[in-house]
Amino acid sequence: MSSPTIETFPNPRPERDYEIAIQYPEFTSLCPKTGLPDFGEIRITYVPGARCIELKSLKYYMIEFRNKGIFYEHVTNQILDDLVAAIQPRRMTVIGDFSVRGGIKTVVTAEYRAEAQG
């Protein structure tokens, strides 16, 4: 997927573990089987390492999924992979909480933890 660069900025307190929670309640993508729109909320929680996510660039990154046919499981893991690559957090969780479709509710949770140093 050709997507905007996820911009970052230096963590103002890299010596401290603290959690950042981001909610993107207007996530949309396309069902790869039907081409119909899928709606949901993406929730990102992370403990930064040296870098933090710049929110405007994250918004533009998320908008790129609007016209992409992609399964819930794939999109949730893709977001996690892209964000981990951009900022190398100490840990991160991405939750894709998707709207009911055909009477079925789906929530996908993907997690990353940095390997212990030492």
PDB file of N, CA and C in Angstrom:
ATOM      1  N   MET A   1       0.849  -1.175   0.000  1.00  0.00           N
ATOM      2  CA  MET A   1       0.000   0.000   0.000  1.00  0.00           C
ATOM      3  C   MET A   1       0.893   1.237   0.000  1.00  0.00           C
ATOM      4  N   SER A   2       0.666   2.110  -0.926  1.00  0.00           N
ATOM      5  CA  SER A   2       1.379   3.377  -0.932  1.00  0.00           C
ATOM      6  C   SER A   2       0.635   4.322   0.002  1.00  0.00           C
ATOM      7  N   SER A   3       1.269   4.653   1.117  1.00  0.00           N
ATOM      8  CA  SER A   3       0.582   5.475   2.103  1.00  0.00           C
ATOM      9  C   SER A   3       1.475   6.614   2.544  1.00  0.00           C
ATOM     10  N   PRO A   4       0.859   7.645   3.109  1.00  0.00           N
ATOM     11  CA  PRO A   4       1.655   8.765   3.605  1.00  0.00           C
ATOM     12  C   PRO A   4       2.618   8.294   4.687  1.00  0.00           C
ATOM     13  N   THR A   5       3.690   9.011   4.811  1.00  0.00           N
ATOM     14  CA  THR A   5       4.668   8.717   5.845  1.00  0.00           C
ATOM     15  C   THR A   5       4.072   9.013   7.212  1.00  0.00           C
ATOM     16  N   ILE A   6       4.296   8.104   8.140  1.00  0.00           N
ATOM     17  CA  ILE A   6       3.890   8.344   9.521  1.00  0.00           C
ATOM     18  C   ILE A   6       5.001   9.169  10.151  1.00  0.00           C
ATOM     19  N   GLU A   7       4.697  10.420  10.424  1.00  0.00           N
ATOM     20  CA  GLU A   7       5.694  11.307  11.012  1.00  0.00           C
ATOM     21  C   GLU A   7       5.793  11.056  12.510  1.00  0.00           C
ATOM     22  N   THR A   8       6.958  11.365  13.045  1.00  0.00           N
ATOM     23  CA  THR A   8       7.210  11.146  14.467  1.00  0.00           C
ATOM     24  C   THR A   8       7.873  12.385  15.061  1.00  0.00           C
ATOM     25  N   PHE A   9       7.959  12.389  16.374  1.00  0.00           N
ATOM     26  CA  PHE A   9       8.709  13.443  17.059  1.00  0.00           C
ATOM     27  C   PHE A   9       9.385  12.816  18.272  1.00  0.00           C
ATOM     28  N   PRO A  10      10.436  13.450  18.792  1.00  0.00           N
ATOM     29  CA  PRO A  10      11.162  12.872  19.921  1.00  0.00           C
ATOM     30  C   PRO A  10      10.277  12.754  21.170  1.00  0.00           C
ATOM     31  N   ASN A  11      10.399  11.634  21.832  1.00  0.00           N
ATOM     32  CA  ASN A  11       9.705  11.414  23.098  1.00  0.00           C
ATOM     33  C   ASN A  11      10.254  12.413  24.116  1.00  0.00           C
ATOM     34  N   PRO A  12       9.386  13.241  24.720  1.00  0.00           N
ATOM     35  CA  PRO A  12       9.890  14.231  25.668  1.00  0.00           C
ATOM     36  C   PRO A  12      10.373  13.621  26.989  1.00  0.00           C
ATOM     37  N   ARG A  13      10.024  12.386  27.284  1.00  0.00           N
ATOM     38  CA  ARG A  13      10.437  11.714  28.520  1.00  0.00           C
ATOM     39  C   ARG A  13      10.853  10.267  28.230  1.00  0.00           C
ATOM     40  N   PRO A  14      11.900  10.064  27.446  1.00  0.00           N
ATOM     41  CA  PRO A  14      12.277   8.697  27.069  1.00  0.00           C
ATOM     42  C   PRO A  14      12.739   7.829  28.235  1.00  0.00           C
ATOM     43  N   GLU A  15      13.106   8.445  29.348  1.00  0.00           N
ATOM     44  CA  GLU A  15      13.565   7.687  30.514  1.00  0.00           C
ATOM     45  C   GLU A  15      12.402   7.076  31.297  1.00  0.00           C
ATOM     46  N   ARG A  16      11.168   7.465  30.986  1.00  0.00           N
ATOM     47  CA  ARG A  16       9.993   7.061  31.752  1.00  0.00           C
ATOM     48  C   ARG A  16       9.041   6.233  30.891  1.00  0.00           C
ATOM     49  N   ASP A  17       8.482   5.180  31.481  1.00  0.00           N
ATOM     50  CA  ASP A  17       7.386   4.474  30.827  1.00  0.00           C
ATOM     51  C   ASP A  17       6.098   5.231  31.095  1.00  0.00           C
ATOM     52  N   TYR A  18       5.399   5.618  30.041  1.00  0.00           N
ATOM     53  CA  TYR A  18       4.070   6.199  30.167  1.00  0.00           C
ATOM     54  C   TYR A  18       3.278   5.782  28.940  1.00  0.00           C
ATOM     55  N   GLU A  19       1.970   5.751  29.083  1.00  0.00           N
ATOM     56  CA  GLU A  19       1.117   5.209  28.036  1.00  0.00           C
ATOM     57  C   GLU A  19       0.400   6.323  27.289  1.00  0.00           C
ATOM     58  N   ILE A  20       0.341   6.177  25.984  1.00  0.00           N
ATOM     59  CA  ILE A  20      -0.393   7.092  25.117  1.00  0.00           C
ATOM     60  C   ILE A  20      -1.533   6.290  24.482  1.00  0.00           C
ATOM     61  N   ALA A  21      -2.750   6.817  24.548  1.00  0.00           N
ATOM     62  CA  ALA A  21      -3.914   6.155  23.962  1.00  0.00           C
ATOM     63  C   ALA A  21      -4.513   7.062  22.894  1.00  0.00           C
ATOM     64  N   ILE A  22      -4.727   6.489  21.722  1.00  0.00           N
ATOM     65  CA  ILE A  22      -5.278   7.226  20.577  1.00  0.00           C
ATOM     66  C   ILE A  22      -6.523   6.492  20.112  1.00  0.00           C
ATOM     67  N   GLN A  23      -7.593   7.232  19.861  1.00  0.00           N
ATOM     68  CA  GLN A  23      -8.811   6.652  19.306  1.00  0.00           C
ATOM     69  C   GLN A  23      -9.086   7.288  17.946  1.00  0.00           C
ATOM     70  N   TYR A  24      -9.385   6.444  16.968  1.00  0.00           N
ATOM     71  CA  TYR A  24      -9.767   6.914  15.643  1.00  0.00           C
ATOM     72  C   TYR A  24     -11.148   6.318  15.347  1.00  0.00           C
ATOM     73  N   PRO A  25     -12.235   7.015  15.760  1.00  0.00           N
ATOM     74  CA  PRO A  25     -13.572   6.435  15.689  1.00  0.00           C
ATOM     75  C   PRO A  25     -14.215   6.453  14.303  1.00  0.00           C
ATOM     76  N   GLU A  26     -13.549   7.038  13.316  1.00  0.00           N
ATOM     77  CA  GLU A  26     -14.148   7.156  11.988  1.00  0.00           C
ATOM     78  C   GLU A  26     -13.409   6.333  10.945  1.00  0.00           C
ATOM     79  N   PHE A  27     -12.885   5.164  11.340  1.00  0.00           N
ATOM     80  CA  PHE A  27     -12.135   4.331  10.405  1.00  0.00           C
ATOM     81  C   PHE A  27     -13.071   3.718   9.366  1.00  0.00           C
ATOM     82  N   THR A  28     -12.642   3.752   8.112  1.00  0.00           N
ATOM     83  CA  THR A  28     -13.381   3.084   7.041  1.00  0.00           C
ATOM     84  C   THR A  28     -12.411   2.374   6.118  1.00  0.00           C
ATOM     85  N   SER A  29     -12.875   1.251   5.604  1.00  0.00           N
ATOM     86  CA  SER A  29     -12.158   0.503   4.572  1.00  0.00           C
ATOM     87  C   SER A  29     -13.229  -0.183   3.728  1.00  0.00           C
ATOM     88  N   LEU A  30     -12.816  -1.043   2.827  1.00  0.00           N
ATOM     89  CA  LEU A  30     -13.772  -1.755   1.976  1.00  0.00           C
ATOM     90  C   LEU A  30     -13.689  -3.247   2.244  1.00  0.00           C
ATOM     91  N   CYS A  31     -14.833  -3.912   2.205  1.00  0.00           N
ATOM     92  CA  CYS A  31     -14.856  -5.363   2.297  1.00  0.00           C
ATOM     93  C   CYS A  31     -14.218  -5.911   1.013  1.00  0.00           C
ATOM     94  N   PRO A  32     -13.202  -6.774   1.130  1.00  0.00           N
ATOM     95  CA  PRO A  32     -12.550  -7.282  -0.079  1.00  0.00           C
ATOM     96  C   PRO A  32     -13.423  -8.258  -0.877  1.00  0.00           C
ATOM     97  N   LYS A  33     -14.477  -8.774  -0.274  1.00  0.00           N
ATOM     98  CA  LYS A  33     -15.378  -9.697  -0.971  1.00  0.00           C
ATOM     99  C   LYS A  33     -16.485  -8.969  -1.716  1.00  0.00           C
ATOM    100  N   THR A  34     -17.083  -7.947  -1.074  1.00  0.00           N
ATOM    101  CA  THR A  34     -18.246  -7.286  -1.662  1.00  0.00           C
ATOM    102  C   THR A  34     -17.954  -5.899  -2.206  1.00  0.00           C
ATOM    103  N   GLY A  35     -16.866  -5.284  -1.736  1.00  0.00           N
ATOM    104  CA  GLY A  35     -16.571  -3.907  -2.118  1.00  0.00           C
ATOM    105  C   GLY A  35     -17.389  -2.885  -1.351  1.00  0.00           C
ATOM    106  N   LEU A  36     -18.219  -3.351  -0.411  1.00  0.00           N
ATOM    107  CA  LEU A  36     -19.026  -2.439   0.398  1.00  0.00           C
ATOM    108  C   LEU A  36     -18.180  -1.845   1.521  1.00  0.00           C
ATOM    109  N   PRO A  37     -18.553  -0.667   1.995  1.00  0.00           N
ATOM    110  CA  PRO A  37     -17.746  -0.035   3.047  1.00  0.00           C
ATOM    111  C   PRO A  37     -17.872  -0.751   4.388  1.00  0.00           C
ATOM    112  N   ASP A  38     -16.751  -0.803   5.088  1.00  0.00           N
ATOM    113  CA  ASP A  38     -16.702  -1.284   6.471  1.00  0.00           C
ATOM    114  C   ASP A  38     -16.381  -0.088   7.359  1.00  0.00           C
ATOM    115  N   PHE A  39     -16.972  -0.065   8.527  1.00  0.00           N
ATOM    116  CA  PHE A  39     -16.777   1.040   9.470  1.00  0.00           C
ATOM    117  C   PHE A  39     -16.317   0.481  10.797  1.00  0.00           C
ATOM    118  N   GLY A  40     -15.545   1.268  11.520  1.00  0.00           N
ATOM    119  CA  GLY A  40     -15.124   0.829  12.834  1.00  0.00           C
ATOM    120  C   GLY A  40     -14.321   1.894  13.542  1.00  0.00           C
ATOM    121  N   GLU A  41     -13.795   1.494  14.685  1.00  0.00           N
ATOM    122  CA  GLU A  41     -12.924   2.357  15.471  1.00  0.00           C
ATOM    123  C   GLU A  41     -11.595   1.643  15.640  1.00  0.00           C
ATOM    124  N   ILE A  42     -10.520   2.377  15.425  1.00  0.00           N
ATOM    125  CA  ILE A  42      -9.179   1.866  15.681  1.00  0.00           C
ATOM    126  C   ILE A  42      -8.694   2.526  16.963  1.00  0.00           C
ATOM    127  N   ARG A  43      -8.267   1.683  17.922  1.00  0.00           N
ATOM    128  CA  ARG A  43      -7.712   2.190  19.176  1.00  0.00           C
ATOM    129  C   ARG A  43      -6.253   1.742  19.273  1.00  0.00           C
ATOM    130  N   ILE A  44      -5.396   2.695  19.518  1.00  0.00           N
ATOM    131  CA  ILE A  44      -3.961   2.454  19.617  1.00  0.00           C
ATOM    132  C   ILE A  44      -3.506   2.856  21.007  1.00  0.00           C
ATOM    133  N   THR A  45      -2.819   1.970  21.685  1.00  0.00           N
ATOM    134  CA  THR A  45      -2.246   2.271  22.983  1.00  0.00           C
ATOM    135  C   THR A  45      -0.787   1.864  22.915  1.00  0.00           C
ATOM    136  N   TYR A  46       0.109   2.776  23.338  1.00  0.00           N
ATOM    137  CA  TYR A  46       1.522   2.423  23.289  1.00  0.00           C
ATOM    138  C   TYR A  46       2.335   3.120  24.361  1.00  0.00           C
ATOM    139  N   VAL A  47       3.446   2.494  24.679  1.00  0.00           N
ATOM    140  CA  VAL A  47       4.467   3.082  25.541  1.00  0.00           C
ATOM    141  C   VAL A  47       5.617   3.426  24.605  1.00  0.00           C
ATOM    142  N   PRO A  48       5.897   4.717  24.418  1.00  0.00           N
ATOM    143  CA  PRO A  48       6.917   5.096  23.438  1.00  0.00           C
ATOM    144  C   PRO A  48       8.324   4.751  23.892  1.00  0.00           C
ATOM    145  N   GLY A  49       9.177   4.553  22.896  1.00  0.00           N
ATOM    146  CA  GLY A  49      10.608   4.465  23.131  1.00  0.00           C
ATOM    147  C   GLY A  49      11.178   5.856  22.898  1.00  0.00           C
ATOM    148  N   ALA A  50      11.990   5.997  21.875  1.00  0.00           N
ATOM    149  CA  ALA A  50      12.624   7.283  21.576  1.00  0.00           C
ATOM    150  C   ALA A  50      11.709   8.236  20.800  1.00  0.00           C
ATOM    151  N   ARG A  51      10.664   7.709  20.134  1.00  0.00           N
ATOM    152  CA  ARG A  51       9.823   8.534  19.260  1.00  0.00           C
ATOM    153  C   ARG A  51       8.349   8.360  19.609  1.00  0.00           C
ATOM    154  N   CYS A  52       7.548   9.389  19.272  1.00  0.00           N
ATOM    155  CA  CYS A  52       6.095   9.373  19.412  1.00  0.00           C
ATOM    156  C   CYS A  52       5.466   9.590  18.037  1.00  0.00           C
ATOM    157  N   ILE A  53       4.206   9.207  17.892  1.00  0.00           N
ATOM    158  CA  ILE A  53       3.470   9.358  16.636  1.00  0.00           C
ATOM    159  C   ILE A  53       2.906  10.765  16.533  1.00  0.00           C
ATOM    160  N   GLU A  54       3.118  11.410  15.398  1.00  0.00           N
ATOM    161  CA  GLU A  54       2.535  12.726  15.124  1.00  0.00           C
ATOM    162  C   GLU A  54       1.119  12.481  14.592  1.00  0.00           C
ATOM    163  N   LEU A  55       0.115  13.081  15.218  1.00  0.00           N
ATOM    164  CA  LEU A  55      -1.279  12.723  14.977  1.00  0.00           C
ATOM    165  C   LEU A  55      -1.825  13.110  13.604  1.00  0.00           C
ATOM    166  N   LYS A  56      -1.424  14.250  13.067  1.00  0.00           N
ATOM    167  CA  LYS A  56      -1.940  14.644  11.749  1.00  0.00           C
ATOM    168  C   LYS A  56      -1.515  13.632  10.692  1.00  0.00           C
ATOM    169  N   SER A  57      -0.273  13.202  10.742  1.00  0.00           N
ATOM    170  CA  SER A  57       0.185  12.214   9.762  1.00  0.00           C
ATOM    171  C   SER A  57      -0.517  10.869   9.974  1.00  0.00           C
ATOM    172  N   LEU A  58      -0.838  10.535  11.236  1.00  0.00           N
ATOM    173  CA  LEU A  58      -1.575   9.300  11.511  1.00  0.00           C
ATOM    174  C   LEU A  58      -2.963   9.365  10.888  1.00  0.00           C
ATOM    175  N   LYS A  59      -3.605  10.521  10.985  1.00  0.00           N
ATOM    176  CA  LYS A  59      -4.931  10.690  10.378  1.00  0.00           C
ATOM    177  C   LYS A  59      -4.864  10.449   8.867  1.00  0.00           C
ATOM    178  N   TYR A  60      -3.876  11.038   8.195  1.00  0.00           N
ATOM    179  CA  TYR A  60      -3.751  10.849   6.747  1.00  0.00           C
ATOM    180  C   TYR A  60      -3.401   9.406   6.391  1.00  0.00           C
ATOM    181  N   TYR A  61      -2.623   8.758   7.234  1.00  0.00           N
ATOM    182  CA  TYR A  61      -2.320   7.337   7.040  1.00  0.00           C
ATOM    183  C   TYR A  61      -3.619   6.523   7.108  1.00  0.00           C
ATOM    184  N   MET A  62      -4.443   6.773   8.110  1.00  0.00           N
ATOM    185  CA  MET A  62      -5.698   6.028   8.274  1.00  0.00           C
ATOM    186  C   MET A  62      -6.655   6.251   7.099  1.00  0.00           C
ATOM    187  N   ILE A  63      -6.693   7.470   6.589  1.00  0.00           N
ATOM    188  CA  ILE A  63      -7.584   7.786   5.465  1.00  0.00           C
ATOM    189  C   ILE A  63      -7.248   6.948   4.239  1.00  0.00           C
ATOM    190  N   GLU A  64      -5.999   6.554   4.087  1.00  0.00           N
ATOM    191  CA  GLU A  64      -5.584   5.749   2.928  1.00  0.00           C
ATOM    192  C   GLU A  64      -6.292   4.398   2.859  1.00  0.00           C
ATOM    193  N   PHE A  65      -6.818   3.899   3.963  1.00  0.00           N
ATOM    194  CA  PHE A  65      -7.531   2.616   3.962  1.00  0.00           C
ATOM    195  C   PHE A  65      -8.947   2.749   3.406  1.00  0.00           C
ATOM    196  N   ARG A  66      -9.426   3.965   3.272  1.00  0.00           N
ATOM    197  CA  ARG A  66     -10.819   4.211   2.877  1.00  0.00           C
ATOM    198  C   ARG A  66     -11.204   3.499   1.577  1.00  0.00           C
ATOM    199  N   ASN A  67     -10.296   3.417   0.625  1.00  0.00           N
ATOM    200  CA  ASN A  67     -10.596   2.805  -0.671  1.00  0.00           C
ATOM    201  C   ASN A  67      -9.885   1.477  -0.870  1.00  0.00           C
ATOM    202  N   LYS A  68      -9.442   0.866   0.216  1.00  0.00           N
ATOM    203  CA  LYS A  68      -8.692  -0.387   0.124  1.00  0.00           C
ATOM    204  C   LYS A  68      -9.564  -1.553   0.577  1.00  0.00           C
ATOM    205  N   GLY A  69      -9.637  -2.584  -0.250  1.00  0.00           N
ATOM    206  CA  GLY A  69     -10.319  -3.820   0.136  1.00  0.00           C
ATOM    207  C   GLY A  69      -9.393  -4.629   1.028  1.00  0.00           C
ATOM    208  N   ILE A  70      -9.767  -4.802   2.292  1.00  0.00           N
ATOM    209  CA  ILE A  70      -8.878  -5.460   3.244  1.00  0.00           C
ATOM    210  C   ILE A  70      -9.703  -6.070   4.378  1.00  0.00           C
ATOM    211  N   PHE A  71      -9.337  -7.279   4.778  1.00  0.00           N
ATOM    212  CA  PHE A  71     -10.028  -7.940   5.879  1.00  0.00           C
ATOM    213  C   PHE A  71      -9.674  -7.273   7.206  1.00  0.00           C
ATOM    214  N   TYR A  72     -10.564  -7.372   8.183  1.00  0.00           N
ATOM    215  CA  TYR A  72     -10.354  -6.772   9.510  1.00  0.00           C
ATOM    216  C   TYR A  72      -9.047  -7.223  10.147  1.00  0.00           C
ATOM    217  N   GLU A  73      -8.784  -8.526  10.056  1.00  0.00           N
ATOM    218  CA  GLU A  73      -7.584  -9.083  10.670  1.00  0.00           C
ATOM    219  C   GLU A  73      -6.321  -8.508  10.037  1.00  0.00           C
ATOM    220  N   HIS A  74      -6.362  -8.361   8.732  1.00  0.00           N
ATOM    221  CA  HIS A  74      -5.203  -7.828   8.015  1.00  0.00           C
ATOM    222  C   HIS A  74      -4.975  -6.355   8.336  1.00  0.00           C
ATOM    223  N   VAL A  75      -6.027  -5.565   8.312  1.00  0.00           N
ATOM    224  CA  VAL A  75      -5.854  -4.127   8.534  1.00  0.00           C
ATOM    225  C   VAL A  75      -5.348  -3.842   9.945  1.00  0.00           C
ATOM    226  N   THR A  76      -5.859  -4.558  10.936  1.00  0.00           N
ATOM    227  CA  THR A  76      -5.418  -4.330  12.314  1.00  0.00           C
ATOM    228  C   THR A  76      -3.932  -4.648  12.460  1.00  0.00           C
ATOM    229  N   ASN A  77      -3.511  -5.774  11.905  1.00  0.00           N
ATOM    230  CA  ASN A  77      -2.097  -6.159  11.978  1.00  0.00           C
ATOM    231  C   ASN A  77      -1.216  -5.268  11.114  1.00  0.00           C
ATOM    232  N   GLN A  78      -1.729  -4.783   9.987  1.00  0.00           N
ATOM    233  CA  GLN A  78      -0.952  -3.875   9.135  1.00  0.00           C
ATOM    234  C   GLN A  78      -0.677  -2.562   9.844  1.00  0.00           C
ATOM    235  N   ILE A  79      -1.696  -2.034  10.512  1.00  0.00           N
ATOM    236  CA  ILE A  79      -1.519  -0.789  11.269  1.00  0.00           C
ATOM    237  C   ILE A  79      -0.470  -0.991  12.355  1.00  0.00           C
ATOM    238  N   LEU A  80      -0.564  -2.095  13.092  1.00  0.00           N
ATOM    239  CA  LEU A  80       0.431  -2.380  14.130  1.00  0.00           C
ATOM    240  C   LEU A  80       1.831  -2.451  13.526  1.00  0.00           C
ATOM    241  N   ASP A  81       2.000  -3.213  12.456  1.00  0.00           N
ATOM    242  CA  ASP A  81       3.319  -3.357  11.829  1.00  0.00           C
ATOM    243  C   ASP A  81       3.884  -2.014  11.370  1.00  0.00           C
ATOM    244  N   ASP A  82       3.054  -1.186  10.746  1.00  0.00           N
ATOM    245  CA  ASP A  82       3.516   0.106  10.230  1.00  0.00           C
ATOM    246  C   ASP A  82       3.904   1.057  11.359  1.00  0.00           C
ATOM    247  N   LEU A  83       3.109   1.063  12.430  1.00  0.00           N
ATOM    248  CA  LEU A  83       3.414   1.956  13.549  1.00  0.00           C
ATOM    249  C   LEU A  83       4.654   1.492  14.313  1.00  0.00           C
ATOM    250  N   VAL A  84       4.801   0.201  14.505  1.00  0.00           N
ATOM    251  CA  VAL A  84       6.001  -0.321  15.176  1.00  0.00           C
ATOM    252  C   VAL A  84       7.238   0.027  14.360  1.00  0.00           C
ATOM    253  N   ALA A  85       7.157  -0.131  13.047  1.00  0.00           N
ATOM    254  CA  ALA A  85       8.300   0.209  12.184  1.00  0.00           C
ATOM    255  C   ALA A  85       8.643   1.699  12.274  1.00  0.00           C
ATOM    256  N   ALA A  86       7.622   2.542  12.429  1.00  0.00           N
ATOM    257  CA  ALA A  86       7.846   3.993  12.457  1.00  0.00           C
ATOM    258  C   ALA A  86       8.455   4.477  13.768  1.00  0.00           C
ATOM    259  N   ILE A  87       8.056   3.884  14.907  1.00  0.00           N
ATOM    260  CA  ILE A  87       8.495   4.463  16.190  1.00  0.00           C
ATOM    261  C   ILE A  87       9.210   3.500  17.133  1.00  0.00           C
ATOM    262  N   GLN A  88       9.245   2.204  16.834  1.00  0.00           N
ATOM    263  CA  GLN A  88       9.873   1.221  17.721  1.00  0.00           C
ATOM    264  C   GLN A  88       9.472   1.442  19.186  1.00  0.00           C
ATOM    265  N   PRO A  89       8.186   1.278  19.501  1.00  0.00           N
ATOM    266  CA  PRO A  89       7.728   1.500  20.874  1.00  0.00           C
ATOM    267  C   PRO A  89       8.208   0.393  21.812  1.00  0.00           C
ATOM    268  N   ARG A  90       8.091   0.641  23.092  1.00  0.00           N
ATOM    269  CA  ARG A  90       8.378  -0.413  24.081  1.00  0.00           C
ATOM    270  C   ARG A  90       7.289  -1.470  24.028  1.00  0.00           C
ATOM    271  N   ARG A  91       6.052  -1.006  23.858  1.00  0.00           N
ATOM    272  CA  ARG A  91       4.941  -1.932  23.613  1.00  0.00           C
ATOM    273  C   ARG A  91       3.815  -1.158  22.933  1.00  0.00           C
ATOM    274  N   MET A  92       2.973  -1.911  22.226  1.00  0.00           N
ATOM    275  CA  MET A  92       1.861  -1.294  21.505  1.00  0.00           C
ATOM    276  C   MET A  92       0.752  -2.319  21.332  1.00  0.00           C
ATOM    277  N   THR A  93      -0.480  -1.832  21.451  1.00  0.00           N
ATOM    278  CA  THR A  93      -1.661  -2.636  21.153  1.00  0.00           C
ATOM    279  C   THR A  93      -2.518  -1.846  20.174  1.00  0.00           C
ATOM    280  N   VAL A  94      -2.985  -2.523  19.127  1.00  0.00           N
ATOM    281  CA  VAL A  94      -3.930  -1.926  18.181  1.00  0.00           C
ATOM    282  C   VAL A  94      -5.189  -2.782  18.220  1.00  0.00           C
ATOM    283  N   ILE A  95      -6.317  -2.123  18.457  1.00  0.00           N
ATOM    284  CA  ILE A  95      -7.613  -2.806  18.473  1.00  0.00           C
ATOM    285  C   ILE A  95      -8.447  -2.262  17.330  1.00  0.00           C
ATOM    286  N   GLY A  96      -8.917  -3.155  16.496  1.00  0.00           N
ATOM    287  CA  GLY A  96      -9.878  -2.821  15.446  1.00  0.00           C
ATOM    288  C   GLY A  96     -11.252  -3.256  15.932  1.00  0.00           C
ATOM    289  N   ASP A  97     -12.104  -2.308  16.264  1.00  0.00           N
ATOM    290  CA  ASP A  97     -13.444  -2.575  16.791  1.00  0.00           C
ATOM    291  C   ASP A  97     -14.425  -2.200  15.683  1.00  0.00           C
ATOM    292  N   PHE A  98     -14.861  -3.198  14.934  1.00  0.00           N
ATOM    293  CA  PHE A  98     -15.613  -2.954  13.711  1.00  0.00           C
ATOM    294  C   PHE A  98     -17.119  -3.040  13.935  1.00  0.00           C
ATOM    295  N   SER A  99     -17.847  -2.239  13.175  1.00  0.00           N
ATOM    296  CA  SER A  99     -19.304  -2.172  13.298  1.00  0.00           C
ATOM    297  C   SER A  99     -19.938  -3.500  12.889  1.00  0.00           C
ATOM    298  N   VAL A 100     -21.125  -3.729  13.406  1.00  0.00           N
ATOM    299  CA  VAL A 100     -21.863  -4.947  13.094  1.00  0.00           C
ATOM    300  C   VAL A 100     -22.153  -4.993  11.599  1.00  0.00           C
ATOM    301  N   ARG A 101     -21.905  -6.170  11.017  1.00  0.00           N
ATOM    302  CA  ARG A 101     -22.240  -6.395   9.606  1.00  0.00           C
ATOM    303  C   ARG A 101     -22.852  -7.787   9.510  1.00  0.00           C
ATOM    304  N   GLY A 102     -24.052  -7.863   8.969  1.00  0.00           N
ATOM    305  CA  GLY A 102     -24.717  -9.158   8.828  1.00  0.00           C
ATOM    306  C   GLY A 102     -24.989  -9.826  10.163  1.00  0.00           C
ATOM    307  N   GLY A 103     -25.159  -9.012  11.216  1.00  0.00           N
ATOM    308  CA  GLY A 103     -25.454  -9.556  12.531  1.00  0.00           C
ATOM    309  C   GLY A 103     -24.232 -10.038  13.295  1.00  0.00           C
ATOM    310  N   ILE A 104     -23.031  -9.789  12.768  1.00  0.00           N
ATOM    311  CA  ILE A 104     -21.798 -10.247  13.414  1.00  0.00           C
ATOM    312  C   ILE A 104     -20.929  -9.055  13.779  1.00  0.00           C
ATOM    313  N   LYS A 105     -20.482  -9.038  15.031  1.00  0.00           N
ATOM    314  CA  LYS A 105     -19.585  -7.991  15.549  1.00  0.00           C
ATOM    315  C   LYS A 105     -18.184  -8.587  15.622  1.00  0.00           C
ATOM    316  N   THR A 106     -17.186  -7.842  15.142  1.00  0.00           N
ATOM    317  CA  THR A 106     -15.805  -8.325  15.163  1.00  0.00           C
ATOM    318  C   THR A 106     -14.905  -7.295  15.833  1.00  0.00           C
ATOM    319  N   VAL A 107     -14.056  -7.787  16.755  1.00  0.00           N
ATOM    320  CA  VAL A 107     -13.028  -6.975  17.389  1.00  0.00           C
ATOM    321  C   VAL A 107     -11.722  -7.752  17.246  1.00  0.00           C
ATOM    322  N   VAL A 108     -10.717  -7.095  16.659  1.00  0.00           N
ATOM    323  CA  VAL A 108      -9.413  -7.718  16.451  1.00  0.00           C
ATOM    324  C   VAL A 108      -8.389  -6.965  17.289  1.00  0.00           C
ATOM    325  N   THR A 109      -7.582  -7.700  18.062  1.00  0.00           N
ATOM    326  CA  THR A 109      -6.539  -7.100  18.895  1.00  0.00           C
ATOM    327  C   THR A 109      -5.193  -7.658  18.474  1.00  0.00           C
ATOM    328  N   ALA A 110      -4.250  -6.768  18.154  1.00  0.00           N
ATOM    329  CA  ALA A 110      -2.888  -7.156  17.790  1.00  0.00           C
ATOM    330  C   ALA A 110      -1.932  -6.454  18.751  1.00  0.00           C
ATOM    331  N   GLU A 111      -0.921  -7.194  19.238  1.00  0.00           N
ATOM    332  CA  GLU A 111      -0.011  -6.645  20.245  1.00  0.00           C
ATOM    333  C   GLU A 111       1.448  -6.822  19.844  1.00  0.00           C
ATOM    334  N   TYR A 112       2.255  -5.888  20.329  1.00  0.00           N
ATOM    335  CA  TYR A 112       3.708  -5.928  20.130  1.00  0.00           C
ATOM    336  C   TYR A 112       4.375  -5.570  21.453  1.00  0.00           C
ATOM    337  N   ARG A 113       5.435  -6.291  21.785  1.00  0.00           N
ATOM    338  CA  ARG A 113       6.289  -5.969  22.935  1.00  0.00           C
ATOM    339  C   ARG A 113       7.726  -6.045  22.465  1.00  0.00           C
ATOM    340  N   ALA A 114       8.499  -5.005  22.766  1.00  0.00           N
ATOM    341  CA  ALA A 114       9.914  -5.004  22.399  1.00  0.00           C
ATOM    342  C   ALA A 114      10.629  -6.097  23.178  1.00  0.00           C
ATOM    343  N   GLU A 115      11.618  -6.690  22.551  1.00  0.00           N
ATOM    344  CA  GLU A 115      12.442  -7.684  23.237  1.00  0.00           C
ATOM    345  C   GLU A 115      13.208  -7.002  24.352  1.00  0.00           C
ATOM    346  N   ALA A 116      13.366  -7.677  25.460  1.00  0.00           N
ATOM    347  CA  ALA A 116      14.129  -7.110  26.582  1.00  0.00           C
ATOM    348  C   ALA A 116      15.584  -6.925  26.189  1.00  0.00           C
ATOM    349  N   GLN A 117      16.123  -5.790  26.536  1.00  0.00           N
ATOM    350  CA  GLN A 117      17.531  -5.490  26.275  1.00  0.00           C
ATOM    351  C   GLN A 117      18.375  -6.103  27.379  1.00  0.00           C
ATOM    352  N   GLY A 118      19.528  -6.658  27.040  1.00  0.00           N
ATOM    353  CA  GLY A 118      20.395  -7.117  28.090  1.00  0.00           C
ATOM    354  C   GLY A 118      20.889  -8.449  27.838  1.00  0.00           C
TER     355      GLY A 118
END
